[in-house]
């Protein structure tokens, strides 16, 4: 750990840990830069087939380090521009990489941590998790992709309420409204994460990446444009090694071999 990010790989599974537990895993500029560099590494490393993001200690992430905000003084606008540039590049890389992302929300989340926490294809939450936007409470505006993700995940009305009132959402409500995929039983988060990533890492990574890209495009395309994109994408998968293996395995009535056993 250099600046608050711990990176580990086990077989084809990479784990990114937000690792400043004494301050709620709050982001500084060096930490945001390190997250960006780690996300790019995950995006580019073909040996990695699934990525997990989680936090160390009681919190997932409390957002930006407000003490660092105060320390920036008159340079706060430049500070905020720099830290969000790194954070946004990290989230973009994680959301657009050709492999699945699992977010393990181990505890409370606030501010810039929310965009990262809900960016996963699968978001598993401990019962202790809760979500608070918190930006307007300190005179700030949303970042971390939350203003893009929230309306798509929970609808505009709920997004408006959470962004403007900073109402805290508990784990049960977060699951009900679609903010997270599901809550796991107390003490079972790591076990559930391992089961999920184990399944995803053995899946057809190129197909998962194709599905991720299609879903990201759906709100900006017309029906016909989306179907054309689907047509081109499935044709490309038909030419891929994983696509050929999947069809061959189905015909032979055997389990497809997309990856070596981890």
C-alpha atoms as a PDB file:
ATOM      1  CA  UNK A   1       0.000   0.000   0.000  1.00  0.00           C
ATOM      2  CA  UNK A   2       1.442   3.337  -1.039  1.00  0.00           C
ATOM      3  CA  UNK A   3      -1.373   5.896  -0.845  1.00  0.00           C
ATOM      4  CA  UNK A   4      -4.437   4.062   0.404  1.00  0.00           C
ATOM      5  CA  UNK A   5      -5.014   1.361  -2.214  1.00  0.00           C
ATOM      6  CA  UNK A   6      -4.114  -2.299  -1.711  1.00  0.00           C
ATOM      7  CA  UNK A   7      -4.105  -4.492  -4.806  1.00  0.00           C
ATOM      8  CA  UNK A   8      -4.108  -8.277  -4.694  1.00  0.00           C
ATOM      9  CA  UNK A   9      -4.508 -11.028  -7.277  1.00  0.00           C
ATOM     10  CA  UNK A  10      -5.546 -14.622  -6.642  1.00  0.00           C
ATOM     11  CA  UNK A  11      -5.477 -16.615  -9.845  1.00  0.00           C
ATOM     12  CA  UNK A  12      -7.519 -14.628 -12.356  1.00  0.00           C
ATOM     13  CA  UNK A  13      -9.345 -12.557  -9.708  1.00  0.00           C
ATOM     14  CA  UNK A  14      -8.086  -9.087  -8.761  1.00  0.00           C
ATOM     15  CA  UNK A  15      -9.123  -7.314  -5.572  1.00  0.00           C
ATOM     16  CA  UNK A  16      -8.843  -3.569  -5.054  1.00  0.00           C
ATOM     17  CA  UNK A  17      -9.084  -2.575  -1.384  1.00  0.00           C
ATOM     18  CA  UNK A  18      -9.670   1.017  -0.271  1.00  0.00           C
ATOM     19  CA  UNK A  19      -7.222   1.011   2.604  1.00  0.00           C
ATOM     20  CA  UNK A  20      -7.343   4.088   4.833  1.00  0.00           C
ATOM     21  CA  UNK A  21      -9.576   2.624   7.554  1.00  0.00           C
ATOM     22  CA  UNK A  22      -8.650   5.208  10.207  1.00  0.00           C
ATOM     23  CA  UNK A  23     -10.347   7.924   8.109  1.00  0.00           C
ATOM     24  CA  UNK A  24     -13.173   5.872   6.615  1.00  0.00           C
ATOM     25  CA  UNK A  25     -11.165   5.126   3.448  1.00  0.00           C
ATOM     26  CA  UNK A  26     -11.600   8.754   2.373  1.00  0.00           C
ATOM     27  CA  UNK A  27      -9.941   9.803  -0.870  1.00  0.00           C
ATOM     28  CA  UNK A  28      -6.909  12.056  -1.157  1.00  0.00           C
ATOM     29  CA  UNK A  29      -5.378  13.066  -4.494  1.00  0.00           C
ATOM     30  CA  UNK A  30      -2.589  10.437  -4.270  1.00  0.00           C
ATOM     31  CA  UNK A  31      -5.134   7.751  -3.371  1.00  0.00           C
ATOM     32  CA  UNK A  32      -7.420   8.700  -6.270  1.00  0.00           C
ATOM     33  CA  UNK A  33      -4.433   8.650  -8.625  1.00  0.00           C
ATOM     34  CA  UNK A  34      -3.418   5.229  -7.330  1.00  0.00           C
ATOM     35  CA  UNK A  35      -6.970   3.938  -7.832  1.00  0.00           C
ATOM     36  CA  UNK A  36      -6.862   5.169 -11.425  1.00  0.00           C
ATOM     37  CA  UNK A  37      -3.538   3.447 -12.072  1.00  0.00           C
ATOM     38  CA  UNK A  38      -4.816   0.222 -10.507  1.00  0.00           C
ATOM     39  CA  UNK A  39      -8.038   0.332 -12.525  1.00  0.00           C
ATOM     40  CA  UNK A  40      -6.072   0.786 -15.750  1.00  0.00           C
ATOM     41  CA  UNK A  41      -3.913  -2.183 -14.787  1.00  0.00           C
ATOM     42  CA  UNK A  42      -7.036  -4.299 -14.270  1.00  0.00           C
ATOM     43  CA  UNK A  43      -8.430  -3.128 -17.594  1.00  0.00           C
ATOM     44  CA  UNK A  44      -5.279  -3.997 -19.537  1.00  0.00           C
ATOM     45  CA  UNK A  45      -4.099  -7.212 -17.839  1.00  0.00           C
ATOM     46  CA  UNK A  46      -5.563 -10.083 -19.845  1.00  0.00           C
ATOM     47  CA  UNK A  47      -4.801 -12.552 -17.037  1.00  0.00           C
ATOM     48  CA  UNK A  48      -7.406 -10.815 -14.861  1.00  0.00           C
ATOM     49  CA  UNK A  49     -10.923 -12.128 -15.520  1.00  0.00           C
ATOM     50  CA  UNK A  50     -12.874 -10.509 -12.670  1.00  0.00           C
ATOM     51  CA  UNK A  51     -12.311  -7.496 -10.386  1.00  0.00           C
ATOM     52  CA  UNK A  52     -13.542  -6.901  -6.836  1.00  0.00           C
ATOM     53  CA  UNK A  53     -13.625  -3.517  -5.093  1.00  0.00           C
ATOM     54  CA  UNK A  54     -14.126  -3.314  -1.324  1.00  0.00           C
ATOM     55  CA  UNK A  55     -13.082  -1.306   1.725  1.00  0.00           C
ATOM     56  CA  UNK A  56     -10.932  -2.059   4.743  1.00  0.00           C
ATOM     57  CA  UNK A  57     -12.425  -1.762   8.208  1.00  0.00           C
ATOM     58  CA  UNK A  58     -15.881  -0.488   9.156  1.00  0.00           C
ATOM     59  CA  UNK A  59     -16.504   1.762   6.124  1.00  0.00           C
ATOM     60  CA  UNK A  60     -16.502   1.172   2.390  1.00  0.00           C
ATOM     61  CA  UNK A  61     -15.648   4.802   1.594  1.00  0.00           C
ATOM     62  CA  UNK A  62     -16.717   8.123   3.071  1.00  0.00           C
ATOM     63  CA  UNK A  63     -15.898  10.079  -0.104  1.00  0.00           C
ATOM     64  CA  UNK A  64     -13.289  12.783  -0.341  1.00  0.00           C
ATOM     65  CA  UNK A  65     -11.052  13.603   2.628  1.00  0.00           C
ATOM     66  CA  UNK A  66     -12.670  16.812   3.893  1.00  0.00           C
ATOM     67  CA  UNK A  67      -9.603  17.670   5.978  1.00  0.00           C
ATOM     68  CA  UNK A  68      -7.619  17.693   2.733  1.00  0.00           C
ATOM     69  CA  UNK A  69     -10.302  19.910   1.195  1.00  0.00           C
ATOM     70  CA  UNK A  70      -9.791  22.407   3.988  1.00  0.00           C
ATOM     71  CA  UNK A  71      -6.036  22.206   3.672  1.00  0.00           C
ATOM     72  CA  UNK A  72      -6.240  23.184  -0.001  1.00  0.00           C
ATOM     73  CA  UNK A  73      -7.292  26.719   0.966  1.00  0.00           C
ATOM     74  CA  UNK A  74      -7.771  28.998  -2.018  1.00  0.00           C
ATOM     75  CA  UNK A  75      -6.585  26.192  -4.296  1.00  0.00           C
ATOM     76  CA  UNK A  76      -9.666  24.100  -3.498  1.00  0.00           C
ATOM     77  CA  UNK A  77     -11.122  24.398  -7.039  1.00  0.00           C
ATOM     78  CA  UNK A  78      -7.880  23.045  -8.521  1.00  0.00           C
ATOM     79  CA  UNK A  79      -7.746  20.351  -5.840  1.00  0.00           C
ATOM     80  CA  UNK A  80     -11.296  19.204  -6.633  1.00  0.00           C
ATOM     81  CA  UNK A  81     -10.644  19.229 -10.371  1.00  0.00           C
ATOM     82  CA  UNK A  82      -7.585  17.036  -9.936  1.00  0.00           C
ATOM     83  CA  UNK A  83      -9.043  14.522  -7.489  1.00  0.00           C
ATOM     84  CA  UNK A  84     -12.211  14.026  -9.546  1.00  0.00           C
ATOM     85  CA  UNK A  85     -10.215  13.644 -12.743  1.00  0.00           C
ATOM     86  CA  UNK A  86      -8.388  10.655 -11.238  1.00  0.00           C
ATOM     87  CA  UNK A  87     -11.493   9.205  -9.580  1.00  0.00           C
ATOM     88  CA  UNK A  88     -13.574   9.521 -12.731  1.00  0.00           C
ATOM     89  CA  UNK A  89     -10.873   7.930 -14.884  1.00  0.00           C
ATOM     90  CA  UNK A  90     -10.765   5.010 -12.440  1.00  0.00           C
ATOM     91  CA  UNK A  91     -14.532   4.494 -12.471  1.00  0.00           C
ATOM     92  CA  UNK A  92     -14.647   4.782 -16.267  1.00  0.00           C
ATOM     93  CA  UNK A  93     -11.916   2.156 -16.660  1.00  0.00           C
ATOM     94  CA  UNK A  94     -13.640  -0.203 -14.235  1.00  0.00           C
ATOM     95  CA  UNK A  95     -17.033   0.190 -15.897  1.00  0.00           C
ATOM     96  CA  UNK A  96     -15.757  -0.141 -19.464  1.00  0.00           C
ATOM     97  CA  UNK A  97     -13.209  -2.924 -19.036  1.00  0.00           C
ATOM     98  CA  UNK A  98     -13.815  -6.210 -20.821  1.00  0.00           C
ATOM     99  CA  UNK A  99     -14.391  -8.134 -17.584  1.00  0.00           C
ATOM    100  CA  UNK A 100     -16.960  -8.047 -14.762  1.00  0.00           C
ATOM    101  CA  UNK A 101     -16.802  -5.841 -11.677  1.00  0.00           C
ATOM    102  CA  UNK A 102     -18.089  -6.933  -8.263  1.00  0.00           C
ATOM    103  CA  UNK A 103     -18.426  -4.315  -5.522  1.00  0.00           C
ATOM    104  CA  UNK A 104     -18.442  -5.620  -1.950  1.00  0.00           C
ATOM    105  CA  UNK A 105     -19.929  -2.860   0.185  1.00  0.00           C
ATOM    106  CA  UNK A 106     -18.657  -3.756   3.635  1.00  0.00           C
ATOM    107  CA  UNK A 107     -20.099  -0.752   5.474  1.00  0.00           C
ATOM    108  CA  UNK A 108     -21.331   2.846   5.192  1.00  0.00           C
ATOM    109  CA  UNK A 109     -20.728   4.819   1.989  1.00  0.00           C
ATOM    110  CA  UNK A 110     -20.890   8.563   1.392  1.00  0.00           C
ATOM    111  CA  UNK A 111     -20.046  11.176  -1.214  1.00  0.00           C
ATOM    112  CA  UNK A 112     -17.614  10.097  -3.910  1.00  0.00           C
ATOM    113  CA  UNK A 113     -17.591   6.567  -2.551  1.00  0.00           C
ATOM    114  CA  UNK A 114     -21.159   6.038  -3.747  1.00  0.00           C
ATOM    115  CA  UNK A 115     -20.371   6.201  -7.463  1.00  0.00           C
ATOM    116  CA  UNK A 116     -17.628   3.619  -6.984  1.00  0.00           C
ATOM    117  CA  UNK A 117     -19.778   1.389  -4.761  1.00  0.00           C
ATOM    118  CA  UNK A 118     -22.681   1.168  -7.225  1.00  0.00           C
ATOM    119  CA  UNK A 119     -20.590   0.895 -10.406  1.00  0.00           C
ATOM    120  CA  UNK A 120     -20.383  -2.893 -10.186  1.00  0.00           C
ATOM    121  CA  UNK A 121     -22.232  -5.398 -12.316  1.00  0.00           C
ATOM    122  CA  UNK A 122     -22.962  -7.157  -9.029  1.00  0.00           C
ATOM    123  CA  UNK A 123     -23.110  -5.081  -5.836  1.00  0.00           C
ATOM    124  CA  UNK A 124     -23.205  -7.118  -2.616  1.00  0.00           C
ATOM    125  CA  UNK A 125     -23.834  -5.264   0.641  1.00  0.00           C
ATOM    126  CA  UNK A 126     -23.272  -6.118   4.279  1.00  0.00           C
ATOM    127  CA  UNK A 127     -26.317  -5.389   6.502  1.00  0.00           C
ATOM    128  CA  UNK A 128     -24.293  -2.557   8.099  1.00  0.00           C
ATOM    129  CA  UNK A 129     -24.024  -0.687   4.797  1.00  0.00           C
ATOM    130  CA  UNK A 130     -25.837   2.592   4.269  1.00  0.00           C
ATOM    131  CA  UNK A 131     -25.640   5.301   1.617  1.00  0.00           C
ATOM    132  CA  UNK A 132     -25.591   9.086   2.050  1.00  0.00           C
ATOM    133  CA  UNK A 133     -24.903  11.476  -0.842  1.00  0.00           C
ATOM    134  CA  UNK A 134     -23.826  14.247   1.591  1.00  0.00           C
ATOM    135  CA  UNK A 135     -22.557  16.653  -1.097  1.00  0.00           C
ATOM    136  CA  UNK A 136     -25.005  19.522  -0.653  1.00  0.00           C
ATOM    137  CA  UNK A 137     -24.603  19.309   3.133  1.00  0.00           C
ATOM    138  CA  UNK A 138     -21.105  20.773   2.671  1.00  0.00           C
ATOM    139  CA  UNK A 139     -22.004  23.023  -0.268  1.00  0.00           C
ATOM    140  CA  UNK A 140     -20.724  20.647  -2.956  1.00  0.00           C
ATOM    141  CA  UNK A 141     -22.249  18.863  -5.970  1.00  0.00           C
ATOM    142  CA  UNK A 142     -22.260  15.134  -6.858  1.00  0.00           C
ATOM    143  CA  UNK A 143     -19.285  13.464  -8.499  1.00  0.00           C
ATOM    144  CA  UNK A 144     -17.975   9.939  -9.028  1.00  0.00           C
ATOM    145  CA  UNK A 145     -20.596   9.263 -11.687  1.00  0.00           C
ATOM    146  CA  UNK A 146     -23.419   9.269  -9.133  1.00  0.00           C
ATOM    147  CA  UNK A 147     -25.535  11.780 -11.070  1.00  0.00           C
ATOM    148  CA  UNK A 148     -25.350   9.434 -14.106  1.00  0.00           C
ATOM    149  CA  UNK A 149     -25.771   6.130 -12.272  1.00  0.00           C
ATOM    150  CA  UNK A 150     -28.480   7.002  -9.760  1.00  0.00           C
ATOM    151  CA  UNK A 151     -31.262   7.994 -12.193  1.00  0.00           C
ATOM    152  CA  UNK A 152     -30.565   4.850 -14.235  1.00  0.00           C
ATOM    153  CA  UNK A 153     -30.530   2.529 -11.221  1.00  0.00           C
ATOM    154  CA  UNK A 154     -33.273   3.937  -8.991  1.00  0.00           C
ATOM    155  CA  UNK A 155     -35.159   6.468 -11.157  1.00  0.00           C
ATOM    156  CA  UNK A 156     -35.044  10.258 -11.349  1.00  0.00           C
ATOM    157  CA  UNK A 157     -37.457  10.952  -8.475  1.00  0.00           C
ATOM    158  CA  UNK A 158     -35.480   8.921  -5.968  1.00  0.00           C
ATOM    159  CA  UNK A 159     -32.201  10.316  -7.301  1.00  0.00           C
ATOM    160  CA  UNK A 160     -33.482  13.865  -6.844  1.00  0.00           C
ATOM    161  CA  UNK A 161     -34.490  13.180  -3.268  1.00  0.00           C
ATOM    162  CA  UNK A 162     -31.199  11.555  -2.299  1.00  0.00           C
ATOM    163  CA  UNK A 163     -29.042  14.206  -3.979  1.00  0.00           C
ATOM    164  CA  UNK A 164     -30.958  17.192  -2.584  1.00  0.00           C
ATOM    165  CA  UNK A 165     -31.878  16.014   0.920  1.00  0.00           C
ATOM    166  CA  UNK A 166     -28.917  13.722   1.729  1.00  0.00           C
ATOM    167  CA  UNK A 167     -31.300  11.200   3.281  1.00  0.00           C
ATOM    168  CA  UNK A 168     -29.476   8.125   4.506  1.00  0.00           C
ATOM    169  CA  UNK A 169     -30.544   4.868   2.818  1.00  0.00           C
ATOM    170  CA  UNK A 170     -30.068   1.661   4.775  1.00  0.00           C
ATOM    171  CA  UNK A 171     -29.048  -1.656   3.255  1.00  0.00           C
ATOM    172  CA  UNK A 172     -32.565  -3.098   3.079  1.00  0.00           C
ATOM    173  CA  UNK A 173     -33.978  -0.043   1.315  1.00  0.00           C
ATOM    174  CA  UNK A 174     -30.946   0.101  -0.991  1.00  0.00           C
ATOM    175  CA  UNK A 175     -31.680  -3.445  -2.136  1.00  0.00           C
ATOM    176  CA  UNK A 176     -35.403  -2.727  -2.529  1.00  0.00           C
ATOM    177  CA  UNK A 177     -34.812   0.314  -4.747  1.00  0.00           C
ATOM    178  CA  UNK A 178     -32.091  -1.341  -6.845  1.00  0.00           C
ATOM    179  CA  UNK A 179     -29.127   0.593  -5.512  1.00  0.00           C
ATOM    180  CA  UNK A 180     -27.425  -2.712  -4.677  1.00  0.00           C
ATOM    181  CA  UNK A 181     -27.931  -6.206  -6.068  1.00  0.00           C
ATOM    182  CA  UNK A 182     -28.620  -7.841  -2.721  1.00  0.00           C
ATOM    183  CA  UNK A 183     -27.791  -7.856   0.977  1.00  0.00           C
ATOM    184  CA  UNK A 184     -25.860 -10.802   2.338  1.00  0.00           C
ATOM    185  CA  UNK A 185     -26.234 -12.282   5.810  1.00  0.00           C
ATOM    186  CA  UNK A 186     -24.143 -10.741   8.556  1.00  0.00           C
ATOM    187  CA  UNK A 187     -20.589 -12.043   8.416  1.00  0.00           C
ATOM    188  CA  UNK A 188     -21.089 -13.671   5.021  1.00  0.00           C
ATOM    189  CA  UNK A 189     -19.928 -10.900   2.665  1.00  0.00           C
ATOM    190  CA  UNK A 190     -16.519 -12.387   1.834  1.00  0.00           C
ATOM    191  CA  UNK A 191     -18.014 -15.850   1.282  1.00  0.00           C
ATOM    192  CA  UNK A 192     -20.691 -14.476  -1.060  1.00  0.00           C
ATOM    193  CA  UNK A 193     -18.138 -12.396  -2.950  1.00  0.00           C
ATOM    194  CA  UNK A 194     -15.889 -15.402  -3.480  1.00  0.00           C
ATOM    195  CA  UNK A 195     -18.788 -17.501  -4.761  1.00  0.00           C
ATOM    196  CA  UNK A 196     -19.835 -14.738  -7.166  1.00  0.00           C
ATOM    197  CA  UNK A 197     -16.380 -13.970  -8.548  1.00  0.00           C
ATOM    198  CA  UNK A 198     -15.577 -17.659  -8.806  1.00  0.00           C
ATOM    199  CA  UNK A 199     -18.528 -18.102 -11.143  1.00  0.00           C
ATOM    200  CA  UNK A 200     -17.808 -14.950 -13.159  1.00  0.00           C
ATOM    201  CA  UNK A 201     -14.099 -15.683 -13.560  1.00  0.00           C
ATOM    202  CA  UNK A 202     -14.936 -19.026 -15.201  1.00  0.00           C
ATOM    203  CA  UNK A 203     -17.437 -17.446 -17.586  1.00  0.00           C
ATOM    204  CA  UNK A 204     -16.823 -16.238 -21.137  1.00  0.00           C
ATOM    205  CA  UNK A 205     -15.051 -12.961 -20.419  1.00  0.00           C
ATOM    206  CA  UNK A 206     -15.470 -11.542 -23.924  1.00  0.00           C
ATOM    207  CA  UNK A 207     -19.216 -12.250 -23.767  1.00  0.00           C
ATOM    208  CA  UNK A 208     -19.489 -10.582 -20.354  1.00  0.00           C
ATOM    209  CA  UNK A 209     -17.583  -7.578 -21.685  1.00  0.00           C
ATOM    210  CA  UNK A 210     -19.867  -7.409 -24.716  1.00  0.00           C
ATOM    211  CA  UNK A 211     -22.954  -7.497 -22.484  1.00  0.00           C
ATOM    212  CA  UNK A 212     -21.498  -4.748 -20.283  1.00  0.00           C
ATOM    213  CA  UNK A 213     -20.910  -2.503 -23.298  1.00  0.00           C
ATOM    214  CA  UNK A 214     -24.395  -3.087 -24.670  1.00  0.00           C
ATOM    215  CA  UNK A 215     -25.980  -2.173 -21.350  1.00  0.00           C
ATOM    216  CA  UNK A 216     -23.916   1.021 -21.085  1.00  0.00           C
ATOM    217  CA  UNK A 217     -25.086   2.087 -24.557  1.00  0.00           C
ATOM    218  CA  UNK A 218     -28.774   1.318 -24.125  1.00  0.00           C
ATOM    219  CA  UNK A 219     -29.946   4.657 -22.708  1.00  0.00           C
ATOM    220  CA  UNK A 220     -28.280   6.688 -25.460  1.00  0.00           C
ATOM    221  CA  UNK A 221     -29.448   4.575 -28.429  1.00  0.00           C
ATOM    222  CA  UNK A 222     -32.756   4.209 -30.198  1.00  0.00           C
ATOM    223  CA  UNK A 223     -34.289   0.726 -30.340  1.00  0.00           C
ATOM    224  CA  UNK A 224     -33.081   0.249 -33.908  1.00  0.00           C
ATOM    225  CA  UNK A 225     -29.569   1.522 -33.138  1.00  0.00           C
ATOM    226  CA  UNK A 226     -29.337  -0.758 -30.129  1.00  0.00           C
ATOM    227  CA  UNK A 227     -30.493  -3.776 -32.142  1.00  0.00           C
ATOM    228  CA  UNK A 228     -27.928  -2.998 -34.848  1.00  0.00           C
ATOM    229  CA  UNK A 229     -25.265  -2.855 -32.155  1.00  0.00           C
ATOM    230  CA  UNK A 230     -26.543  -6.155 -30.763  1.00  0.00           C
ATOM    231  CA  UNK A 231     -26.354  -7.721 -34.214  1.00  0.00           C
ATOM    232  CA  UNK A 232     -22.763  -6.586 -34.750  1.00  0.00           C
ATOM    233  CA  UNK A 233     -21.749  -7.642 -31.237  1.00  0.00           C
ATOM    234  CA  UNK A 234     -23.188 -11.162 -31.357  1.00  0.00           C
ATOM    235  CA  UNK A 235     -21.635 -11.657 -34.801  1.00  0.00           C
ATOM    236  CA  UNK A 236     -18.254 -10.671 -33.355  1.00  0.00           C
ATOM    237  CA  UNK A 237     -18.774 -13.144 -30.523  1.00  0.00           C
ATOM    238  CA  UNK A 238     -19.480 -15.827 -33.082  1.00  0.00           C
ATOM    239  CA  UNK A 239     -15.981 -15.266 -34.424  1.00  0.00           C
ATOM    240  CA  UNK A 240     -14.378 -15.393 -30.983  1.00  0.00           C
ATOM    241  CA  UNK A 241     -12.730 -18.432 -29.408  1.00  0.00           C
ATOM    242  CA  UNK A 242     -15.123 -18.269 -26.469  1.00  0.00           C
ATOM    243  CA  UNK A 243     -18.122 -18.081 -28.760  1.00  0.00           C
ATOM    244  CA  UNK A 244     -16.984 -21.131 -30.711  1.00  0.00           C
ATOM    245  CA  UNK A 245     -16.220 -23.023 -27.499  1.00  0.00           C
ATOM    246  CA  UNK A 246     -19.637 -22.199 -26.034  1.00  0.00           C
ATOM    247  CA  UNK A 247     -21.507 -23.488 -29.086  1.00  0.00           C
ATOM    248  CA  UNK A 248     -19.334 -26.600 -29.338  1.00  0.00           C
ATOM    249  CA  UNK A 249     -19.850 -27.398 -25.647  1.00  0.00           C
ATOM    250  CA  UNK A 250     -23.614 -27.006 -25.936  1.00  0.00           C
ATOM    251  CA  UNK A 251     -23.770 -29.354 -28.919  1.00  0.00           C
ATOM    252  CA  UNK A 252     -21.507 -31.884 -27.196  1.00  0.00           C
ATOM    253  CA  UNK A 253     -23.554 -31.590 -23.978  1.00  0.00           C
ATOM    254  CA  UNK A 254     -20.498 -30.781 -21.908  1.00  0.00           C
ATOM    255  CA  UNK A 255     -19.409 -27.902 -19.687  1.00  0.00           C
ATOM    256  CA  UNK A 256     -17.674 -25.148 -21.687  1.00  0.00           C
ATOM    257  CA  UNK A 257     -14.014 -24.505 -20.917  1.00  0.00           C
ATOM    258  CA  UNK A 258     -13.650 -20.747 -21.049  1.00  0.00           C
ATOM    259  CA  UNK A 259     -10.820 -20.537 -18.530  1.00  0.00           C
ATOM    260  CA  UNK A 260      -8.439 -22.691 -16.578  1.00  0.00           C
ATOM    261  CA  UNK A 261      -9.733 -23.749 -13.156  1.00  0.00           C
ATOM    262  CA  UNK A 262      -8.645 -21.322 -10.445  1.00  0.00           C
END
